[in-house]
Amino acid sequence: MNTQEKQYFPILEKYANKHKQFTINDASSVTGVPLLETEYSIKDLMEKYDCKLKVTENGDLIYDFGPHLKRRDAKSFAEYFNQFLALVWWGFSVFYKFIISAFLVIYFIVFLVIVLGIVLAVLSGGKNDNGSKGVGNLLYVLFRVFWTIFEWNTIMGHNRTYRKRDSYGYNYRHYEEKQGFLSSISNKGGSSSDNKGFVASVYDFVFGPPRVQINPLANMQEMATFLRDHKGLVSTSEIQALAGWSRDDAKNFMTNTLASFNGKAEISDQGVLYGDFSELLRRKDKVAGAPIIYYWDEYEPEYELTGNKNLRDLGIFAMNAFNLILSGLVIWGPLAVYGSGFLFTLFLGWIPFFYSLVFFTVPAFRWLYLQPKRRQQHLLNVRKRLMMAIFQEQSAMLTLNQLTAIANKQHPNEEKLKPGLVEKVMMDVIQDFEGESFVNKNAEVVYKFENLDLELTEIERLRDQKKDDNQLGNVIFESK
């Protein structure tokens, strides 16, 4: 922002906060700011605040900043509260993982003494010259097993993922689980899930495995690649196809992209709003950008309870149940008679009892918490399939049965959608794409997407007419 823009920006900011919706001509005539400077200041406003663009039937462009100016980086009370809950959960998980580690260390030391005693007894009874070397290797293995107790992160890394299918057959990205040291040296083959370490399994039994996180800049990187591959032009519907957003969110992202990439909002002869980012195409670096992954090509990761094999969960459950029962017997049962007072009951009764109780309580509450999220995840994956069918057919009109059949044909290895489920999900899809539904004379539910069809057809026509002009040409001057 140059000095002149800084001078005019507060004036336009005050105007936008008061008038909410306006054209460039409105803002310029009321504030007295020259038209060109008004255009630059509005672009700065779009970068700072949420904004949607509207097109009138006469082809005029209206900037809509909503009932009040809302910063793009502003957070609602709900977002702050969720962050607070996430912080509390993180603190509790660290504290409880430390307790788990402490218990594992205690048992580890006990078993270590037993194993070393057996090994030394065997070696001392034989005449093996490599006995000391064998003890050294054993100590190294035991140390590595011991160290895994404190590796609280249960995945190999955020850049280590593989593909997995949920119960509906939807393929999604999943982090590679951290392998146990013993399984890594004994079994080089097999999947990460098969070799998952016992300690990692214990932590995931309580707190659950992490879902794959999306790079916060991924949408902007993807948009840049899309623009370079499509002559610098993009429509609001195509933004929805890339990110799956609602219409309002896609419009807001459009204005943010216009401000970030120095684009221009244009209106075609057919009254279709689109973004022109021709300047973005003129570049020296030809390195490929981020991959373009459409919304329907990346299914929602599953909300897993533990991510462990059933037998592993059963074993962990049995071990903790044993501790819970025995500690209860120390407090209230026959084992209490063997106690030696308060310390005995505390360390062999109350502490392991509450530890084991929380061990079961946390996953139980997580199971209740995950149920609505799993239902929402399923509906979002169905939405992705329906969006794919709508965009690839690019038909202004589809019956419910036609849409269901197309979605099932495109993905035969996934769940077979029923018309009832499709109709339920389409209630939101229609609203997001400004479509409509009605019942025809054959008593069939019909979905109509005239605006979507017009936008996609018009943006392709504009690309066909646009000449490629992304060459920088030869260097004619170079500074020293």
Protein backbone atom coordinates (compact mmCIF):
# COMPACT_ATOMS: atom_id res chain seq x y z
CA MET A 1 0.00 0.00 0.00
CA ASN A 2 1.64 3.26 -1.13
CA THR A 3 1.36 6.61 0.65
CA GLN A 4 -1.67 7.72 -1.35
CA GLU A 5 -3.50 4.45 -0.74
CA LYS A 6 -2.76 4.74 2.99
CA GLN A 7 -4.31 8.21 2.90
CA TYR A 8 -7.53 7.04 1.24
CA PHE A 9 -7.90 3.62 2.89
CA PRO A 10 -9.35 4.90 6.25
CA ILE A 11 -11.92 6.93 4.33
CA LEU A 12 -13.11 3.92 2.32
CA GLU A 13 -12.96 1.72 5.44
CA LYS A 14 -15.27 4.08 7.30
CA TYR A 15 -17.59 4.24 4.28
CA ALA A 16 -17.73 0.44 3.94
CA ASN A 17 -18.51 0.04 7.63
CA LYS A 18 -21.49 2.36 7.28
CA HIS A 19 -22.93 1.47 3.86
CA LYS A 20 -22.29 -2.33 3.75
CA GLN A 21 -23.15 -2.80 0.03
CA PHE A 22 -22.05 -0.48 -2.74
CA THR A 23 -20.48 -0.14 -6.18
CA ILE A 24 -17.15 1.52 -6.89
CA ASN A 25 -19.02 4.50 -8.30
CA ASP A 26 -21.06 4.80 -5.09
CA ALA A 27 -17.95 4.83 -2.93
CA SER A 28 -16.08 7.28 -5.15
CA SER A 29 -18.93 9.77 -5.49
CA VAL A 30 -19.81 9.80 -1.77
CA THR A 31 -16.27 9.91 -0.37
CA GLY A 32 -14.73 12.09 -3.07
CA VAL A 33 -11.83 9.66 -3.49
CA PRO A 34 -10.74 9.39 -7.15
CA LEU A 35 -12.13 6.36 -8.96
CA LEU A 36 -8.76 4.62 -9.50
CA GLU A 37 -7.72 5.10 -5.85
CA THR A 38 -11.17 3.88 -4.77
CA GLU A 39 -10.65 0.66 -6.73
CA TYR A 40 -7.22 0.08 -5.11
CA SER A 41 -8.56 0.80 -1.61
CA ILE A 42 -11.51 -1.56 -2.07
CA LYS A 43 -9.08 -4.29 -3.08
CA ASP A 44 -7.19 -3.65 0.16
CA LEU A 45 -10.50 -3.82 2.04
CA MET A 46 -11.26 -7.20 0.45
CA GLU A 47 -7.89 -8.49 1.61
CA LYS A 48 -8.55 -7.35 5.19
CA TYR A 49 -12.29 -8.05 5.57
CA ASP A 50 -14.76 -10.73 4.46
CA CYS A 51 -16.49 -9.68 1.25
CA LYS A 52 -18.81 -11.14 -1.38
CA LEU A 53 -19.32 -9.91 -4.92
CA LYS A 54 -22.80 -9.62 -6.45
CA VAL A 55 -23.81 -9.10 -10.05
CA THR A 56 -27.00 -7.25 -10.98
CA GLU A 57 -29.15 -8.09 -13.98
CA ASN A 58 -27.70 -5.04 -15.73
CA GLY A 59 -24.14 -6.26 -15.24
CA ASP A 60 -23.10 -4.02 -12.36
CA LEU A 61 -20.74 -5.25 -9.63
CA ILE A 62 -21.73 -4.80 -5.97
CA TYR A 63 -19.30 -5.25 -3.07
CA ASP A 64 -21.04 -6.77 -0.04
CA PHE A 65 -19.13 -6.54 3.25
CA GLY A 66 -22.02 -7.90 5.32
CA PRO A 67 -23.88 -6.27 8.23
CA HIS A 68 -20.56 -5.28 9.80
CA LEU A 69 -16.92 -5.40 8.79
CA LYS A 70 -15.44 -8.74 9.81
CA ARG A 71 -11.70 -9.26 9.65
CA ARG A 72 -10.63 -12.37 7.76
CA ASP A 73 -8.44 -13.39 10.70
CA ALA A 74 -11.16 -12.70 13.28
CA LYS A 75 -12.34 -15.59 15.46
CA SER A 76 -15.74 -16.12 16.99
CA PHE A 77 -16.38 -16.92 20.64
CA ALA A 78 -17.05 -20.53 19.66
CA GLU A 79 -13.64 -20.74 17.94
CA TYR A 80 -11.87 -19.30 21.00
CA PHE A 81 -13.80 -21.70 23.25
CA ASN A 82 -12.88 -24.66 21.05
CA GLN A 83 -9.24 -23.58 21.18
CA PHE A 84 -9.48 -23.44 24.97
CA LEU A 85 -10.99 -26.93 25.10
CA ALA A 86 -8.27 -28.18 22.76
CA LEU A 87 -5.63 -26.71 25.07
CA VAL A 88 -7.23 -28.35 28.12
CA TRP A 89 -7.42 -31.67 26.28
CA TRP A 90 -3.77 -31.36 25.26
CA GLY A 91 -2.72 -30.66 28.83
CA PHE A 92 -4.71 -33.60 30.16
CA SER A 93 -3.38 -35.95 27.47
CA VAL A 94 0.23 -34.99 28.27
CA PHE A 95 -0.38 -35.45 32.00
CA TYR A 96 -2.09 -38.80 31.57
CA LYS A 97 0.48 -40.05 29.06
CA PHE A 98 3.11 -39.25 31.68
CA ILE A 99 1.18 -41.38 34.18
CA ILE A 100 0.89 -44.19 31.63
CA SER A 101 4.63 -43.90 31.00
CA ALA A 102 5.34 -44.06 34.73
CA PHE A 103 3.36 -47.28 35.07
CA LEU A 104 5.04 -48.74 32.00
CA VAL A 105 8.46 -47.82 33.39
CA ILE A 106 7.71 -49.53 36.69
CA TYR A 107 6.66 -52.72 34.97
CA PHE A 108 9.58 -52.40 32.54
CA ILE A 109 12.15 -52.26 35.35
CA VAL A 110 10.60 -55.29 37.04
CA PHE A 111 10.66 -57.31 33.84
CA LEU A 112 14.14 -56.02 32.96
CA VAL A 113 15.55 -57.39 36.22
CA ILE A 114 13.87 -60.74 35.57
CA VAL A 115 15.12 -61.00 31.97
CA LEU A 116 18.67 -59.96 32.82
CA GLY A 117 18.75 -62.47 35.64
CA ILE A 118 17.69 -65.26 33.31
CA VAL A 119 20.15 -64.25 30.57
CA LEU A 120 23.10 -63.94 32.96
CA ALA A 121 22.23 -67.28 34.48
CA VAL A 122 22.19 -68.92 31.05
CA LEU A 123 25.44 -67.27 29.93
CA SER A 124 27.26 -68.05 33.13
CA GLY A 125 26.34 -71.72 32.77
CA GLY A 126 27.83 -72.00 29.26
CA LYS A 127 31.16 -71.34 27.58
CA ASN A 128 30.06 -68.92 24.90
CA ASP A 129 32.88 -66.52 23.90
CA ASN A 130 30.34 -64.10 22.49
CA GLY A 131 28.47 -63.90 25.75
CA SER A 132 29.44 -60.30 26.52
CA LYS A 133 28.51 -59.22 23.00
CA GLY A 134 25.15 -60.92 23.35
CA VAL A 135 24.49 -59.09 26.62
CA GLY A 136 25.43 -55.79 24.97
CA ASN A 137 23.01 -56.34 22.11
CA LEU A 138 20.30 -57.34 24.54
CA LEU A 139 20.87 -54.23 26.62
CA TYR A 140 20.59 -52.07 23.46
CA VAL A 141 17.32 -53.73 22.48
CA LEU A 142 15.95 -53.31 26.00
CA PHE A 143 17.01 -49.65 26.05
CA ARG A 144 15.24 -48.99 22.73
CA VAL A 145 12.09 -50.68 24.01
CA PHE A 146 12.38 -48.58 27.16
CA TRP A 147 12.78 -45.37 25.14
CA THR A 148 9.61 -46.01 23.12
CA ILE A 149 7.63 -45.54 26.33
CA PHE A 150 8.37 -41.81 26.12
CA GLU A 151 7.63 -41.44 22.39
CA TRP A 152 4.16 -40.02 22.93
CA ASN A 153 3.57 -39.14 19.29
CA THR A 154 2.00 -42.30 17.87
CA ILE A 155 2.59 -41.55 14.17
CA MET A 156 5.74 -41.66 12.03
CA GLY A 157 5.35 -38.03 10.94
CA HIS A 158 2.92 -35.64 9.26
CA ASN A 159 4.49 -36.33 5.87
CA ARG A 160 4.13 -40.11 6.22
CA THR A 161 0.69 -41.23 5.05
CA TYR A 162 -0.91 -44.17 3.35
CA ARG A 163 -4.37 -44.99 2.02
CA LYS A 164 -7.03 -46.73 4.07
CA ARG A 165 -10.75 -47.52 3.61
CA ASP A 166 -13.51 -46.89 6.12
CA SER A 167 -16.49 -49.16 6.71
CA TYR A 168 -18.35 -47.59 3.74
CA GLY A 169 -15.47 -48.24 1.36
CA TYR A 170 -14.27 -44.62 1.16
CA ASN A 171 -10.55 -44.30 0.56
CA TYR A 172 -8.85 -41.69 2.75
CA ARG A 173 -5.39 -40.64 3.85
CA HIS A 174 -4.15 -42.02 7.15
CA TYR A 175 -0.92 -41.39 9.04
CA GLU A 176 1.58 -44.22 9.28
CA GLU A 177 1.52 -45.56 12.82
CA LYS A 178 4.74 -45.61 14.79
CA GLN A 179 6.20 -49.11 14.77
CA GLY A 180 7.46 -50.88 17.84
CA PHE A 181 11.22 -51.40 17.92
CA LEU A 182 10.95 -55.17 18.24
CA SER A 183 8.53 -55.46 15.31
CA SER A 184 10.70 -53.17 13.16
CA ILE A 185 13.75 -55.45 13.54
CA SER A 186 11.85 -58.73 13.32
CA ASN A 187 9.47 -57.97 10.46
CA LYS A 188 10.64 -55.73 7.62
CA GLY A 189 7.54 -56.36 5.52
CA GLY A 190 3.89 -55.72 6.14
CA SER A 191 2.00 -52.51 6.63
CA SER A 192 2.64 -49.95 9.33
CA SER A 193 -0.68 -50.86 10.91
CA ASP A 194 0.41 -54.51 11.26
CA ASN A 195 3.68 -53.50 12.96
CA LYS A 196 2.23 -50.82 15.21
CA GLY A 197 4.08 -50.65 18.51
CA PHE A 198 2.42 -51.78 21.71
CA VAL A 199 3.14 -48.50 23.50
CA ALA A 200 1.63 -46.51 20.61
CA SER A 201 -1.39 -48.81 20.73
CA VAL A 202 -1.83 -48.10 24.45
CA TYR A 203 -1.76 -44.33 23.91
CA ASP A 204 -4.17 -44.56 20.96
CA PHE A 205 -6.51 -46.80 22.97
CA VAL A 206 -7.01 -43.91 25.39
CA PHE A 207 -6.69 -40.80 23.22
CA GLY A 208 -7.25 -42.08 19.69
CA PRO A 209 -5.00 -41.69 16.63
CA PRO A 210 -4.65 -38.23 15.02
CA ARG A 211 -6.49 -37.51 11.76
CA VAL A 212 -4.57 -36.18 8.77
CA GLN A 213 -4.22 -32.41 9.04
CA ILE A 214 -4.71 -30.13 6.05
CA ASN A 215 -2.15 -27.44 5.26
CA PRO A 216 -3.91 -24.08 5.98
CA LEU A 217 -2.40 -22.65 2.77
CA ALA A 218 -3.36 -25.66 0.66
CA ASN A 219 -6.44 -23.99 -0.86
CA MET A 220 -4.48 -20.91 -1.91
CA GLN A 221 -1.65 -23.03 -3.37
CA GLU A 222 -4.16 -25.18 -5.23
CA MET A 223 -5.91 -22.09 -6.57
CA ALA A 224 -2.62 -20.73 -7.93
CA THR A 225 -1.95 -23.99 -9.79
CA PHE A 226 -5.52 -24.09 -11.11
CA LEU A 227 -5.25 -20.54 -12.47
CA ARG A 228 -1.96 -21.29 -14.23
CA ASP A 229 -3.50 -24.37 -15.85
CA HIS A 230 -6.72 -22.60 -16.88
CA LYS A 231 -5.51 -19.36 -18.47
CA GLY A 232 -5.89 -17.36 -15.25
CA LEU A 233 -9.71 -17.53 -15.22
CA VAL A 234 -11.90 -19.04 -12.51
CA SER A 235 -15.60 -18.99 -11.63
CA THR A 236 -17.22 -19.28 -8.21
CA SER A 237 -18.57 -22.74 -9.06
CA GLU A 238 -15.07 -23.98 -9.85
CA ILE A 239 -13.85 -22.73 -6.47
CA GLN A 240 -16.65 -24.79 -4.92
CA ALA A 241 -15.50 -27.80 -6.92
CA LEU A 242 -11.97 -27.39 -5.56
CA ALA A 243 -12.82 -26.88 -1.87
CA GLY A 244 -16.47 -27.97 -1.47
CA TRP A 245 -17.45 -24.65 0.11
CA SER A 246 -20.91 -23.18 0.30
CA ARG A 247 -21.71 -20.45 -2.19
CA ASP A 248 -21.09 -17.65 0.32
CA ASP A 249 -17.77 -19.10 1.47
CA ALA A 250 -16.65 -19.55 -2.14
CA LYS A 251 -17.51 -15.91 -2.92
CA ASN A 252 -15.59 -14.78 0.13
CA PHE A 253 -12.57 -16.84 -0.94
CA MET A 254 -12.84 -15.36 -4.43
CA THR A 255 -12.50 -11.81 -3.09
CA ASN A 256 -9.60 -12.85 -0.88
CA THR A 257 -7.86 -14.40 -3.87
CA LEU A 258 -8.51 -11.32 -5.99
CA ALA A 259 -6.79 -9.19 -3.37
CA SER A 260 -3.93 -11.65 -2.75
CA PHE A 261 -3.08 -12.39 -6.40
CA ASN A 262 -3.89 -8.96 -7.83
CA GLY A 263 -6.81 -10.29 -9.86
CA LYS A 264 -9.77 -8.49 -11.37
CA ALA A 265 -13.44 -9.25 -10.95
CA GLU A 266 -15.06 -9.36 -14.39
CA ILE A 267 -18.58 -9.90 -15.68
CA SER A 268 -19.14 -11.75 -18.95
CA ASP A 269 -21.71 -10.90 -21.61
CA GLN A 270 -23.97 -13.57 -20.08
CA GLY A 271 -23.80 -11.91 -16.66
CA VAL A 272 -21.42 -14.47 -15.14
CA LEU A 273 -19.00 -13.23 -12.50
CA TYR A 274 -15.46 -14.58 -12.77
CA GLY A 275 -11.94 -13.74 -11.66
CA ASP A 276 -9.22 -12.81 -14.14
CA PHE A 277 -5.68 -13.40 -12.85
CA SER A 278 -3.71 -12.83 -16.04
CA GLU A 279 -0.78 -11.26 -14.17
CA LEU A 280 -0.28 -14.48 -12.21
CA LEU A 281 0.52 -16.33 -15.44
CA ARG A 282 3.55 -14.20 -16.25
CA ARG A 283 6.34 -15.93 -14.36
CA LYS A 284 9.94 -16.98 -14.79
CA ASP A 285 9.93 -20.00 -12.46
CA LYS A 286 8.25 -22.91 -14.27
CA VAL A 287 8.38 -25.29 -11.32
CA ALA A 288 5.10 -27.18 -10.93
CA GLY A 289 2.83 -25.89 -8.19
CA ALA A 290 0.70 -27.75 -5.68
CA PRO A 291 -1.37 -30.60 -7.14
CA ILE A 292 -5.00 -29.90 -8.01
CA ILE A 293 -7.23 -32.19 -5.97
CA TYR A 294 -10.93 -31.68 -6.45
CA TYR A 295 -13.21 -31.82 -3.45
CA TRP A 296 -14.63 -35.21 -4.43
CA ASP A 297 -11.18 -36.78 -4.92
CA GLU A 298 -10.21 -36.51 -1.24
CA TYR A 299 -12.57 -38.28 1.16
CA GLU A 300 -12.92 -37.26 4.79
CA PRO A 301 -10.60 -39.16 7.18
CA GLU A 302 -12.38 -41.55 9.51
CA TYR A 303 -12.92 -40.70 13.17
CA GLU A 304 -11.26 -43.75 14.68
CA LEU A 305 -11.74 -44.78 18.28
CA THR A 306 -8.33 -46.47 18.71
CA GLY A 307 -6.96 -47.34 15.27
CA ASN A 308 -5.71 -50.66 16.70
CA LYS A 309 -6.36 -54.22 15.62
CA ASN A 310 -9.23 -55.87 17.51
CA LEU A 311 -6.96 -58.40 19.23
CA ARG A 312 -4.60 -55.63 20.35
CA ASP A 313 -7.51 -53.67 21.83
CA LEU A 314 -8.79 -56.81 23.54
CA GLY A 315 -5.39 -57.44 25.09
CA ILE A 316 -5.06 -53.84 26.34
CA PHE A 317 -8.62 -53.97 27.69
CA ALA A 318 -7.90 -57.21 29.55
CA MET A 319 -4.68 -55.86 31.09
CA ASN A 320 -6.34 -52.70 32.36
CA ALA A 321 -9.39 -54.62 33.58
CA PHE A 322 -7.05 -56.88 35.56
CA ASN A 323 -5.43 -53.81 37.17
CA LEU A 324 -8.83 -52.27 37.91
CA ILE A 325 -10.17 -55.41 39.56
CA LEU A 326 -7.03 -56.13 41.60
CA SER A 327 -6.75 -52.53 42.83
CA GLY A 328 -10.44 -52.64 43.79
CA LEU A 329 -9.83 -55.81 45.77
CA VAL A 330 -6.99 -54.07 47.60
CA ILE A 331 -9.34 -51.24 48.60
CA TRP A 332 -12.56 -53.09 49.34
CA GLY A 333 -11.91 -56.80 48.88
CA PRO A 334 -10.05 -59.62 50.54
CA LEU A 335 -6.62 -58.31 49.54
CA ALA A 336 -7.09 -55.41 51.95
CA VAL A 337 -6.36 -57.65 54.92
CA TYR A 338 -2.79 -58.07 53.72
CA GLY A 339 -2.20 -54.36 53.71
CA SER A 340 0.29 -52.57 55.86
CA GLY A 341 -1.58 -49.35 56.34
CA PHE A 342 -2.29 -46.20 54.40
CA LEU A 343 0.65 -46.30 51.97
CA PHE A 344 -0.10 -49.85 50.90
CA THR A 345 -3.74 -48.97 50.13
CA LEU A 346 -2.72 -45.74 48.39
CA PHE A 347 -0.06 -47.12 46.05
CA LEU A 348 -1.58 -50.53 45.37
CA GLY A 349 -5.21 -49.51 45.67
CA TRP A 350 -6.40 -45.96 45.06
CA ILE A 351 -3.73 -44.78 42.57
CA PRO A 352 -3.95 -47.76 40.18
CA PHE A 353 -7.74 -47.85 40.65
CA PHE A 354 -8.27 -44.27 39.48
CA TYR A 355 -5.62 -44.68 36.80
CA SER A 356 -7.42 -47.74 35.40
CA LEU A 357 -10.83 -46.08 35.75
CA VAL A 358 -9.72 -43.06 33.70
CA PHE A 359 -8.12 -45.46 31.23
CA PHE A 360 -11.61 -46.78 30.42
CA THR A 361 -13.58 -43.56 30.96
CA VAL A 362 -11.72 -41.42 28.39
CA PRO A 363 -12.31 -43.73 25.38
CA ALA A 364 -15.93 -44.24 26.52
CA PHE A 365 -16.59 -40.48 26.40
CA ARG A 366 -14.65 -40.20 23.15
CA TRP A 367 -16.91 -42.87 21.63
CA LEU A 368 -19.97 -40.75 22.49
CA TYR A 369 -18.24 -37.62 21.17
CA LEU A 370 -17.31 -39.27 17.87
CA GLN A 371 -20.76 -40.60 16.97
CA PRO A 372 -22.17 -37.34 15.51
CA LYS A 373 -18.83 -36.60 13.85
CA ARG A 374 -18.87 -40.01 12.16
CA ARG A 375 -22.37 -39.38 10.84
CA GLN A 376 -21.29 -35.97 9.55
CA GLN A 377 -18.17 -37.51 7.97
CA HIS A 378 -20.35 -40.05 6.16
CA LEU A 379 -22.72 -37.36 4.85
CA LEU A 380 -19.78 -35.25 3.65
CA ASN A 381 -18.37 -38.20 1.71
CA VAL A 382 -21.78 -38.79 0.11
CA ARG A 383 -21.90 -35.07 -0.73
CA LYS A 384 -18.53 -35.40 -2.49
CA ARG A 385 -19.85 -38.20 -4.69
CA LEU A 386 -22.97 -36.25 -5.61
CA MET A 387 -20.97 -33.12 -6.41
CA MET A 388 -18.74 -35.17 -8.68
CA ALA A 389 -21.78 -36.50 -10.53
CA ILE A 390 -23.32 -33.03 -10.88
CA PHE A 391 -20.12 -31.37 -12.15
CA GLN A 392 -19.04 -34.13 -14.50
CA GLU A 393 -22.48 -34.49 -16.03
CA GLN A 394 -22.74 -30.70 -16.20
CA SER A 395 -26.45 -31.04 -16.85
CA ALA A 396 -28.90 -28.36 -15.84
CA MET A 397 -31.43 -31.00 -14.83
CA LEU A 398 -31.19 -34.46 -13.19
CA THR A 399 -33.82 -36.67 -11.59
CA LEU A 400 -33.19 -38.22 -8.19
CA ASN A 401 -32.90 -41.70 -9.70
CA GLN A 402 -30.54 -40.49 -12.44
CA LEU A 403 -28.28 -38.76 -9.93
CA THR A 404 -28.23 -41.84 -7.68
CA ALA A 405 -27.42 -44.16 -10.58
CA ILE A 406 -24.59 -41.91 -11.86
CA ALA A 407 -22.99 -41.65 -8.40
CA ASN A 408 -23.14 -45.43 -7.93
CA LYS A 409 -21.71 -46.11 -11.39
CA GLN A 410 -18.76 -43.78 -10.84
CA HIS A 411 -17.68 -45.56 -7.65
CA PRO A 412 -18.71 -49.23 -7.75
CA ASN A 413 -16.31 -50.19 -4.93
CA GLU A 414 -17.91 -47.84 -2.43
CA GLU A 415 -21.24 -48.04 -0.65
CA LYS A 416 -24.28 -48.25 -2.91
CA LEU A 417 -26.24 -45.07 -2.35
CA LYS A 418 -29.99 -45.20 -1.79
CA PRO A 419 -32.34 -42.53 -3.19
CA GLY A 420 -33.48 -41.62 0.33
CA LEU A 421 -29.94 -40.81 1.46
CA VAL A 422 -29.23 -38.91 -1.76
CA GLU A 423 -32.37 -36.81 -1.31
CA LYS A 424 -31.36 -35.97 2.26
CA VAL A 425 -27.86 -34.80 1.28
CA MET A 426 -29.14 -32.92 -1.76
CA MET A 427 -31.13 -30.56 0.47
CA ASP A 428 -27.86 -28.81 1.37
CA VAL A 429 -26.24 -29.24 -2.05
CA ILE A 430 -29.13 -27.45 -3.77
CA GLN A 431 -28.79 -24.47 -1.46
CA ASP A 432 -25.01 -24.31 -1.89
CA PHE A 433 -25.27 -24.23 -5.70
CA GLU A 434 -28.34 -21.99 -5.92
CA GLY A 435 -30.30 -24.80 -7.55
CA GLU A 436 -33.90 -25.86 -7.14
CA SER A 437 -35.89 -29.08 -6.88
CA PHE A 438 -39.41 -29.95 -7.99
CA VAL A 439 -41.59 -32.93 -8.84
CA ASN A 440 -42.25 -33.49 -12.55
CA LYS A 441 -45.37 -34.90 -14.16
CA ASN A 442 -44.04 -38.44 -13.66
CA ALA A 443 -43.92 -37.87 -9.88
CA GLU A 444 -40.10 -37.87 -9.96
CA VAL A 445 -37.93 -35.53 -7.91
CA VAL A 446 -35.91 -33.35 -10.29
CA TYR A 447 -32.89 -31.17 -9.49
CA LYS A 448 -32.26 -28.11 -11.60
CA PHE A 449 -28.86 -26.33 -11.73
CA GLU A 450 -29.21 -23.64 -14.38
CA ASN A 451 -26.75 -21.21 -12.73
CA LEU A 452 -24.11 -23.90 -12.35
CA ASP A 453 -24.50 -25.03 -15.95
CA LEU A 454 -24.33 -21.42 -17.18
CA GLU A 455 -21.20 -20.63 -15.15
CA LEU A 456 -19.28 -23.72 -16.25
CA THR A 457 -20.25 -23.31 -19.90
CA GLU A 458 -19.48 -19.59 -19.93
CA ILE A 459 -16.07 -19.88 -18.24
CA GLU A 460 -15.00 -22.51 -20.80
CA ARG A 461 -16.12 -20.22 -23.61
CA LEU A 462 -14.06 -17.36 -22.14
CA ARG A 463 -10.98 -19.57 -21.89
CA ASP A 464 -11.37 -20.68 -25.49
CA GLN A 465 -11.48 -17.05 -26.60
CA LYS A 466 -8.54 -15.92 -24.47
CA LYS A 467 -5.11 -15.93 -26.06
CA ASP A 468 -2.13 -17.23 -24.15
CA ASP A 469 0.05 -14.29 -23.14
CA ASN A 470 2.27 -15.64 -20.40
CA GLN A 471 5.69 -15.27 -22.03
CA LEU A 472 8.07 -12.79 -20.40
CA GLY A 473 10.20 -12.42 -23.52
CA ASN A 474 13.94 -11.85 -23.67
CA VAL A 475 15.76 -9.75 -21.07
CA ILE A 476 16.51 -6.35 -22.58
CA PHE A 477 17.96 -4.64 -19.50
CA GLU A 478 19.78 -5.89 -16.42
CA SER A 479 20.83 -3.83 -13.42
CA LYS A 480 24.39 -4.15 -12.09
